Amino acid sequence: MSTAAEVQALLRFLSQDAKVPLPVAMSKVKELQKASLTSPASLAKSDIQSVNTIFQDEKLAKQVVNAAKRLSKKRTSSDAPVSLPTKRSKSMKGEEPMSPAAIEESLSLPDIMVDEDGLAKTILYTNRAPLVLAFTLSLLKYTRPDQPLSSRLSLAQAVVSVNSRSKAVSLGLEKGTSAEEEGWGQGQPTVRIMGRDIRVMKRRGYEWKEGIITKNDPKVTAEQKLDETGGIKSEDIQDESQQEPQAQSEVEPALWGIDLEALRSSNGSVKSTSPDTNTGGLPIYTPQSARAYLVKSFASGPIPSTDLTKESPKKRSANVIAAEKERNLALLLEALDRLYSSWAHILSKAELDRRAWSWYVHVRPEVQNGVAGWGGKGEVKLSDILNLRRKA
C-alpha cells in the first residue's frame, strides 16, 4: 500500500512534470496504484497502452510516459514545463483560426429529453472533481448568462482546480503557498464563483453572437465599462427598463479563467494553446480540456448483485461505454438545470452562488476520509439533486 508521501510524490510528478491537470491526476491515483504504476521509474518502463487504459486519453498517456522516461534518464528533478510536440506546433500554424461561433459550436454538450421518472431513477458512478465541474458549469448558466459556453467551461475548470489544490493542501499532499498567494494573479480582476475568488482575463473583441456589444467595445460609454480596478460590477449592467430602445444588447465581456499554477511553473512564459489566441501570453483553463473531462467522467452506477444473471456480462466496446457516459452527462446536466431553474427566479445571483456549494456537498459521492479517499468514486443519485428543487 502506498504511503501518503508516495501519493504526494506521484501527484507532484503527474501535475508538475507530466502536466496532467490536478483534478485528473487525483482521480487516477487509485487506478495507478492497482496497476503498480506509482513512480516515474515504473511508468517509464510501462507501455503507453497500459497507461492509456487508465487515463482513457492517448495524448495524455503519451505525455505521462514521456515525462517519466525523461525524468528517469536525467535522474534529477525537473521543474521545466513540458513543451508541445513539434509536429503539433507546425500543424497549428497551418490551421485556419476558428471563428467564435465555430468554437462555441464545437464545445456543445450532450442534451437529452427525459421524463421525471427516468431522470429520478438514474444513478451515476464518479468521483468528486467532475461533479464539482458539472455543478459549477450549470450554475454559471444562471449567474453569468452572458458568458459563452467556452468561458463557462474555463471558469468552471478554474473552480475545480482551485478547490482541488486547497483539498490537497489540507490532506498534506501539497505543500507551500499557492501561486495566488505568491502574487502571480496580481493586477487581474476576480469573480466569485461557488464561494471561490477566481482570477480572470477579459477576452477582448470576442463576439460569439451577432447583435452583441460587449463592455470592451469602444463605443460603449465609460459608465458602462469595467471599473478602473478591473472588477466586474453588476450595477454596470443596466436593467432593460432603464435603457433606451436599441437594436443591440450590451453584455459583460467574455472571460477566461487564468491558470496561475501553470503561470508560476513556467515562470511567466507560457504559450497559449487555445483557439482564441488573444490571451496576452497568460495560460488559461481551456474549455476543450474541461469538456473532455466532463464527457468521460460519468459512468453508470454498479449493477446490484441481485440483478446479475448467472452468465457473466459481455465485455462492452469502448464506443458503447463512451456513448453511455455521454448520455449520463446529459442526464446530470438536465437534473442540475431543473434544480437551478427552480430557484433562479426566487434567489439573487449571489445567493444562488452561495447555495450551490451546499447543494453539491449534499449529493456528492461518499468516499473514505483522508488520503485514502483521494480520487475515490461513489454513487450520485439524480433523485437527490431533484429533491433539492424549490417546492411549488
Protein backbone atom coordinates (compact mmCIF):
# COMPACT_ATOMS: atom_id res chain seq x y z
CA MET A 1 0.00 0.00 0.00
CA SER A 2 1.35 3.44 -0.94
CA THR A 3 2.12 5.84 1.85
CA ALA A 4 0.92 9.44 1.92
CA ALA A 5 4.43 10.53 0.91
CA GLU A 6 4.37 8.22 -2.14
CA VAL A 7 0.95 9.50 -3.15
CA GLN A 8 2.19 13.06 -2.78
CA ALA A 9 5.26 12.31 -4.92
CA LEU A 10 3.09 10.67 -7.59
CA LEU A 11 0.73 13.65 -7.71
CA ARG A 12 3.66 16.05 -7.87
CA PHE A 13 5.12 14.14 -10.83
CA LEU A 14 1.78 13.98 -12.67
CA SER A 15 0.82 17.62 -12.14
CA GLN A 16 4.23 19.27 -12.41
CA ASP A 17 6.40 17.07 -14.63
CA ALA A 18 3.76 15.40 -16.81
CA LYS A 19 1.49 18.48 -16.77
CA VAL A 20 -1.65 16.48 -16.02
CA PRO A 21 -4.42 18.72 -14.61
CA LEU A 22 -4.52 18.19 -10.85
CA PRO A 23 -8.19 17.05 -10.74
CA VAL A 24 -7.45 14.42 -13.39
CA ALA A 25 -4.29 13.31 -11.56
CA MET A 26 -6.24 12.98 -8.32
CA SER A 27 -8.88 10.80 -9.93
CA LYS A 28 -6.30 8.37 -11.37
CA VAL A 29 -4.20 7.70 -8.26
CA LYS A 30 -6.09 4.58 -7.17
CA GLU A 31 -6.04 3.04 -10.63
CA LEU A 32 -2.30 3.71 -10.93
CA GLN A 33 -1.77 2.11 -7.52
CA LYS A 34 -3.70 -1.01 -8.59
CA ALA A 35 -1.51 -1.26 -11.69
CA SER A 36 1.66 -0.75 -9.59
CA LEU A 37 2.47 2.40 -11.54
CA THR A 38 3.24 4.68 -8.62
CA SER A 39 6.56 6.23 -9.62
CA PRO A 40 8.24 7.77 -12.67
CA ALA A 41 10.51 4.72 -12.84
CA SER A 42 7.61 2.25 -13.08
CA LEU A 43 5.73 4.47 -15.53
CA ALA A 44 8.84 4.79 -17.71
CA LYS A 45 9.02 1.00 -18.03
CA SER A 46 5.31 0.70 -18.81
CA ASP A 47 3.88 0.78 -22.31
CA ILE A 48 1.61 3.58 -23.48
CA GLN A 49 -1.34 1.23 -23.97
CA SER A 50 -1.35 0.26 -20.27
CA VAL A 51 -1.27 3.89 -19.20
CA ASN A 52 -3.91 4.79 -21.79
CA THR A 53 -6.23 2.20 -20.24
CA ILE A 54 -6.12 4.23 -17.05
CA PHE A 55 -6.25 7.77 -18.45
CA GLN A 56 -8.51 6.95 -21.42
CA ASP A 57 -6.71 9.66 -23.36
CA GLU A 58 -3.90 8.58 -25.70
CA LYS A 59 -2.32 12.03 -25.85
CA LEU A 60 -2.28 12.31 -22.06
CA ALA A 61 -0.91 8.77 -21.71
CA LYS A 62 1.99 9.56 -24.05
CA GLN A 63 2.58 12.76 -22.11
CA VAL A 64 2.86 10.84 -18.83
CA VAL A 65 5.11 8.08 -20.19
CA ASN A 66 7.41 10.53 -21.99
CA ALA A 67 7.74 12.66 -18.86
CA ALA A 68 8.55 9.56 -16.81
CA LYS A 69 11.25 8.44 -19.28
CA ARG A 70 12.72 11.92 -19.40
CA LEU A 71 12.84 12.14 -15.62
CA SER A 72 14.32 8.67 -15.24
CA LYS A 73 17.10 9.44 -17.72
CA LYS A 74 18.07 12.70 -16.10
CA ARG A 75 17.95 11.30 -12.57
CA THR A 76 17.32 14.84 -11.36
CA SER A 77 14.17 16.81 -10.52
CA SER A 78 12.78 18.65 -13.48
CA ASP A 79 10.52 21.64 -12.93
CA ALA A 80 10.70 22.82 -16.53
CA PRO A 81 7.37 22.90 -18.34
CA VAL A 82 6.74 20.23 -20.94
CA SER A 83 6.97 21.77 -24.40
CA LEU A 84 4.42 20.98 -27.05
CA PRO A 85 5.40 18.36 -29.64
CA THR A 86 7.00 19.89 -32.73
CA LYS A 87 4.53 18.27 -35.12
CA ARG A 88 1.57 19.79 -33.27
CA SER A 89 3.15 23.24 -33.26
CA LYS A 90 3.67 23.08 -37.02
CA SER A 91 0.15 21.88 -37.71
CA MET A 92 -1.35 24.57 -35.52
CA LYS A 93 0.46 27.24 -37.54
CA GLY A 94 -1.04 25.98 -40.76
CA GLU A 95 -4.61 25.78 -39.46
CA GLU A 96 -7.19 28.46 -40.14
CA PRO A 97 -8.29 30.15 -36.90
CA MET A 98 -11.79 29.15 -35.88
CA SER A 99 -14.50 31.78 -35.71
CA PRO A 100 -16.08 32.41 -32.28
CA ALA A 101 -19.32 30.83 -33.48
CA ALA A 102 -17.44 27.73 -34.65
CA ILE A 103 -15.58 27.48 -31.33
CA GLU A 104 -18.83 27.57 -29.37
CA GLU A 105 -20.45 25.02 -31.67
CA SER A 106 -17.51 22.63 -31.25
CA LEU A 107 -17.95 22.74 -27.47
CA SER A 108 -21.67 21.93 -27.41
CA LEU A 109 -22.62 19.48 -24.69
CA PRO A 110 -24.95 16.48 -24.98
CA ASP A 111 -28.62 17.20 -24.47
CA ILE A 112 -31.49 14.84 -23.75
CA MET A 113 -35.27 14.78 -23.37
CA VAL A 114 -36.35 12.57 -20.49
CA ASP A 115 -39.33 12.34 -18.18
CA GLU A 116 -39.15 12.89 -14.44
CA ASP A 117 -39.24 9.20 -13.56
CA GLY A 118 -36.43 8.31 -15.93
CA LEU A 119 -34.28 11.08 -14.53
CA ALA A 120 -35.01 10.22 -10.90
CA LYS A 121 -34.06 6.56 -11.37
CA THR A 122 -30.62 7.37 -12.76
CA ILE A 123 -27.59 6.61 -10.60
CA LEU A 124 -24.13 7.69 -11.75
CA TYR A 125 -20.71 6.48 -10.64
CA THR A 126 -17.99 9.11 -10.49
CA ASN A 127 -15.50 10.95 -8.31
CA ARG A 128 -15.98 14.38 -6.83
CA ALA A 129 -13.95 16.68 -9.09
CA PRO A 130 -16.03 16.24 -12.28
CA LEU A 131 -19.21 16.63 -10.24
CA VAL A 132 -17.92 20.00 -8.98
CA LEU A 133 -17.23 20.88 -12.61
CA ALA A 134 -20.78 19.98 -13.69
CA PHE A 135 -22.36 21.82 -10.74
CA THR A 136 -20.31 24.95 -11.48
CA LEU A 137 -20.90 24.89 -15.22
CA SER A 138 -24.67 24.62 -14.75
CA LEU A 139 -24.62 27.34 -12.08
CA LEU A 140 -22.87 29.80 -14.42
CA LYS A 141 -25.68 29.41 -16.92
CA TYR A 142 -27.86 31.28 -14.40
CA THR A 143 -25.39 33.54 -12.55
CA ARG A 144 -23.44 34.64 -15.64
CA PRO A 145 -25.83 34.07 -18.55
CA ASP A 146 -23.92 36.48 -20.80
CA GLN A 147 -20.85 34.25 -20.80
CA PRO A 148 -20.41 31.91 -23.81
CA LEU A 149 -20.07 28.19 -23.19
CA SER A 150 -16.30 28.36 -23.77
CA SER A 151 -15.97 30.88 -20.94
CA ARG A 152 -18.24 28.95 -18.60
CA LEU A 153 -16.20 25.79 -19.15
CA SER A 154 -12.94 27.68 -18.49
CA LEU A 155 -14.29 29.35 -15.34
CA ALA A 156 -15.76 26.09 -14.03
CA GLN A 157 -12.45 24.28 -14.53
CA ALA A 158 -10.70 27.09 -12.65
CA VAL A 159 -13.03 26.50 -9.69
CA VAL A 160 -12.28 22.76 -9.75
CA SER A 161 -8.52 23.31 -9.83
CA VAL A 162 -8.53 25.87 -7.01
CA ASN A 163 -10.73 23.59 -4.92
CA SER A 164 -8.59 20.52 -5.66
CA ARG A 165 -5.39 22.26 -4.62
CA SER A 166 -7.00 23.52 -1.43
CA LYS A 167 -8.09 19.96 -0.59
CA ALA A 168 -4.65 18.59 -1.43
CA VAL A 169 -3.04 21.08 0.95
CA SER A 170 -5.47 20.17 3.74
CA LEU A 171 -4.55 16.49 3.32
CA GLY A 172 -0.83 17.21 3.26
CA LEU A 173 -0.48 16.12 -0.36
CA GLU A 174 0.58 19.59 -1.47
CA LYS A 175 2.83 21.96 0.44
CA GLY A 176 3.86 25.57 0.17
CA THR A 177 1.97 28.67 -0.85
CA SER A 178 -0.26 28.82 -3.89
CA ALA A 179 0.50 30.88 -6.98
CA GLU A 180 -2.31 33.22 -5.93
CA GLU A 181 -0.74 33.72 -2.51
CA GLU A 182 2.61 34.46 -4.14
CA GLY A 183 1.02 37.24 -6.17
CA TRP A 184 1.01 35.68 -9.63
CA GLY A 185 -2.52 36.87 -10.23
CA GLN A 186 -1.90 40.43 -9.12
CA GLY A 187 -3.50 43.01 -11.37
CA GLN A 188 -6.06 40.64 -12.87
CA PRO A 189 -9.75 41.00 -11.96
CA THR A 190 -11.52 38.36 -9.90
CA VAL A 191 -15.01 36.90 -9.98
CA ARG A 192 -16.75 35.00 -7.20
CA ILE A 193 -17.91 31.52 -8.22
CA MET A 194 -19.05 28.74 -5.88
CA GLY A 195 -17.63 30.74 -2.98
CA ARG A 196 -14.15 30.99 -4.56
CA ASP A 197 -12.38 34.03 -5.95
CA ILE A 198 -11.19 33.20 -9.46
CA ARG A 199 -8.66 35.27 -11.38
CA VAL A 200 -9.88 36.03 -14.89
CA MET A 201 -8.92 37.86 -18.02
CA LYS A 202 -11.22 39.59 -20.50
CA ARG A 203 -11.45 38.16 -23.99
CA ARG A 204 -11.46 41.48 -25.75
CA GLY A 205 -13.21 41.52 -29.10
CA TYR A 206 -14.63 38.00 -28.73
CA GLU A 207 -18.03 38.38 -30.42
CA TRP A 208 -19.65 34.98 -30.31
CA LYS A 209 -23.16 36.17 -31.06
CA GLU A 210 -24.46 38.54 -33.68
CA GLY A 211 -26.00 41.73 -32.38
CA ILE A 212 -23.92 41.80 -29.21
CA ILE A 213 -21.92 44.75 -27.92
CA THR A 214 -19.60 43.90 -25.06
CA LYS A 215 -18.32 46.35 -22.50
CA ASN A 216 -14.95 46.24 -24.22
CA ASP A 217 -16.43 47.90 -27.29
CA PRO A 218 -15.01 51.43 -27.62
CA LYS A 219 -18.48 52.72 -28.48
CA VAL A 220 -19.74 51.85 -25.01
CA THR A 221 -19.76 54.80 -22.60
CA ALA A 222 -17.35 54.93 -19.68
CA GLU A 223 -20.14 54.39 -17.15
CA GLN A 224 -20.94 51.04 -18.74
CA LYS A 225 -17.35 49.72 -18.85
CA LEU A 226 -15.50 47.73 -16.25
CA ASP A 227 -14.35 49.80 -13.32
CA GLU A 228 -10.77 51.08 -13.29
CA THR A 229 -9.56 48.28 -11.00
CA GLY A 230 -10.76 45.65 -13.47
CA GLY A 231 -13.52 44.41 -11.16
CA ILE A 232 -16.79 43.35 -12.71
CA LYS A 233 -19.63 45.30 -11.20
CA SER A 234 -23.18 44.04 -11.63
CA GLU A 235 -24.52 47.58 -11.29
CA ASP A 236 -22.72 48.49 -14.51
CA ILE A 237 -25.20 46.35 -16.42
CA GLN A 238 -28.33 48.45 -16.70
CA ASP A 239 -31.75 46.93 -16.45
CA GLU A 240 -33.55 46.82 -19.79
CA SER A 241 -36.30 49.03 -18.44
CA GLN A 242 -33.74 51.78 -17.75
CA GLN A 243 -32.14 51.63 -21.19
CA GLU A 244 -33.23 53.47 -24.26
CA PRO A 245 -34.55 51.21 -27.02
CA GLN A 246 -31.74 49.88 -29.20
CA ALA A 247 -31.19 47.15 -31.74
CA GLN A 248 -28.31 45.56 -29.88
CA SER A 249 -27.87 44.44 -26.29
CA GLU A 250 -24.88 45.12 -24.06
CA VAL A 251 -23.30 42.31 -22.07
CA GLU A 252 -20.20 41.85 -19.95
CA PRO A 253 -17.14 40.71 -21.90
CA ALA A 254 -16.39 37.02 -22.27
CA LEU A 255 -13.87 35.79 -19.69
CA TRP A 256 -11.12 33.20 -19.36
CA GLY A 257 -10.14 31.54 -16.09
CA ILE A 258 -6.38 32.03 -15.62
CA ASP A 259 -4.24 29.02 -14.68
CA LEU A 260 -1.99 30.68 -12.10
CA GLU A 261 -0.19 27.45 -11.17
CA ALA A 262 0.84 26.95 -14.81
CA LEU A 263 1.97 30.56 -14.95
CA ARG A 264 4.17 30.06 -11.89
CA SER A 265 5.57 26.74 -13.13
CA SER A 266 6.63 28.33 -16.40
CA ASN A 267 7.97 31.44 -14.65
CA GLY A 268 5.61 33.58 -16.68
CA SER A 269 6.50 32.30 -20.15
CA VAL A 270 3.58 30.19 -21.33
CA LYS A 271 2.40 29.75 -24.88
CA SER A 272 -1.38 29.57 -25.10
CA THR A 273 -2.85 26.61 -26.99
CA SER A 274 -6.40 27.99 -27.04
CA PRO A 275 -8.13 28.54 -30.41
CA ASP A 276 -8.89 32.02 -29.07
CA THR A 277 -5.27 33.20 -29.16
CA ASN A 278 -5.87 36.63 -27.69
CA THR A 279 -4.77 35.68 -24.17
CA GLY A 280 -1.93 38.15 -23.69
CA GLY A 281 0.51 35.30 -23.04
CA LEU A 282 -1.37 34.13 -19.93
CA PRO A 283 -2.13 30.40 -19.53
CA ILE A 284 -5.83 29.68 -19.28
CA TYR A 285 -8.02 26.75 -18.38
CA THR A 286 -9.01 25.59 -21.84
CA PRO A 287 -12.67 24.79 -22.47
CA GLN A 288 -11.70 21.81 -24.62
CA SER A 289 -9.98 20.10 -21.68
CA ALA A 290 -12.88 20.85 -19.35
CA ARG A 291 -15.39 19.45 -21.84
CA ALA A 292 -13.32 16.31 -22.43
CA TYR A 293 -13.10 15.76 -18.66
CA LEU A 294 -16.87 16.03 -18.30
CA VAL A 295 -17.70 13.72 -21.18
CA LYS A 296 -15.59 10.80 -19.91
CA SER A 297 -16.26 11.09 -16.16
CA PHE A 298 -19.79 9.80 -15.52
CA ALA A 299 -20.25 6.05 -15.65
CA SER A 300 -23.44 4.26 -14.74
CA GLY A 301 -23.78 3.01 -11.20
CA PRO A 302 -22.71 -0.60 -10.49
CA ILE A 303 -25.43 -3.18 -11.12
CA PRO A 304 -26.83 -4.55 -7.84
CA SER A 305 -25.82 -8.17 -7.22
CA THR A 306 -29.48 -9.23 -7.12
CA ASP A 307 -29.87 -8.12 -10.74
CA LEU A 308 -26.90 -10.08 -12.06
CA THR A 309 -27.65 -13.08 -14.24
CA LYS A 310 -25.85 -16.35 -13.91
CA GLU A 311 -23.88 -15.60 -17.06
CA SER A 312 -21.14 -13.03 -16.75
CA PRO A 313 -21.94 -9.85 -18.70
CA LYS A 314 -20.32 -9.43 -22.10
CA LYS A 315 -17.44 -7.00 -22.35
CA ARG A 316 -18.63 -3.78 -23.96
CA SER A 317 -16.70 -1.88 -26.59
CA ALA A 318 -15.03 1.45 -25.86
CA ASN A 319 -17.53 3.19 -28.16
CA VAL A 320 -20.51 1.80 -26.25
CA ILE A 321 -19.00 2.88 -22.91
CA ALA A 322 -18.21 6.35 -24.27
CA ALA A 323 -21.77 6.77 -25.59
CA GLU A 324 -23.19 5.72 -22.22
CA LYS A 325 -21.01 8.23 -20.37
CA GLU A 326 -22.07 10.99 -22.75
CA ARG A 327 -25.73 10.15 -22.15
CA ASN A 328 -25.12 10.13 -18.39
CA LEU A 329 -23.60 13.60 -18.63
CA ALA A 330 -26.70 14.80 -20.47
CA LEU A 331 -28.91 13.36 -17.71
CA LEU A 332 -26.82 15.00 -14.99
CA LEU A 333 -26.88 18.40 -16.71
CA GLU A 334 -30.65 18.09 -17.16
CA ALA A 335 -31.13 17.36 -13.44
CA LEU A 336 -28.90 20.30 -12.47
CA ASP A 337 -30.74 22.60 -14.87
CA ARG A 338 -34.04 21.66 -13.26
CA LEU A 339 -32.57 22.37 -9.83
CA TYR A 340 -31.16 25.80 -10.67
CA SER A 341 -34.14 26.91 -12.75
CA SER A 342 -36.49 26.21 -9.83
CA TRP A 343 -34.61 28.75 -7.69
CA ALA A 344 -33.33 31.26 -10.27
CA HIS A 345 -36.45 33.44 -10.25
CA ILE A 346 -36.55 33.50 -6.43
CA LEU A 347 -32.91 33.95 -5.38
CA SER A 348 -30.46 36.64 -6.39
CA LYS A 349 -27.47 35.51 -8.43
CA ALA A 350 -25.21 35.99 -5.39
CA GLU A 351 -27.48 33.88 -3.18
CA LEU A 352 -27.78 31.18 -5.84
CA ASP A 353 -23.98 31.05 -5.97
CA ARG A 354 -23.77 30.74 -2.17
CA ARG A 355 -26.23 27.88 -2.03
CA ALA A 356 -24.72 25.91 -4.91
CA TRP A 357 -21.81 24.56 -2.90
CA SER A 358 -24.04 23.24 -0.11
CA TRP A 359 -26.19 21.51 -2.74
CA TYR A 360 -23.10 19.86 -4.19
CA VAL A 361 -21.98 18.70 -0.73
CA HIS A 362 -25.42 17.19 -0.15
CA VAL A 363 -25.25 14.92 -3.23
CA ARG A 364 -21.52 14.30 -3.75
CA PRO A 365 -20.32 10.67 -3.69
CA GLU A 366 -19.28 9.21 -0.35
CA VAL A 367 -15.57 8.36 -0.16
CA GLN A 368 -13.15 7.36 2.59
CA ASN A 369 -11.81 10.11 4.81
CA GLY A 370 -8.30 11.50 4.36
CA VAL A 371 -5.75 10.45 1.78
CA ALA A 372 -7.45 7.07 1.30
CA GLY A 373 -10.44 8.78 -0.28
CA TRP A 374 -8.33 10.90 -2.65
CA GLY A 375 -9.83 10.44 -6.13
CA GLY A 376 -12.27 7.85 -4.80
CA LYS A 377 -15.50 7.18 -6.64
CA GLY A 378 -19.04 6.65 -5.46
CA GLU A 379 -22.69 6.89 -6.45
CA VAL A 380 -24.54 10.07 -7.32
CA LYS A 381 -28.32 9.72 -7.36
CA LEU A 382 -30.04 12.21 -9.61
CA SER A 383 -33.13 11.89 -7.43
CA ASP A 384 -31.12 13.59 -4.65
CA ILE A 385 -30.46 16.54 -6.97
CA LEU A 386 -34.13 16.76 -7.99
CA ASN A 387 -35.19 16.72 -4.33
CA LEU A 388 -33.28 19.96 -3.77
CA ARG A 389 -35.59 21.87 -6.08
CA ARG A 390 -37.80 24.58 -4.68
CA LYS A 391 -41.16 23.17 -3.68
CA ALA A 392 -44.02 24.51 -5.75
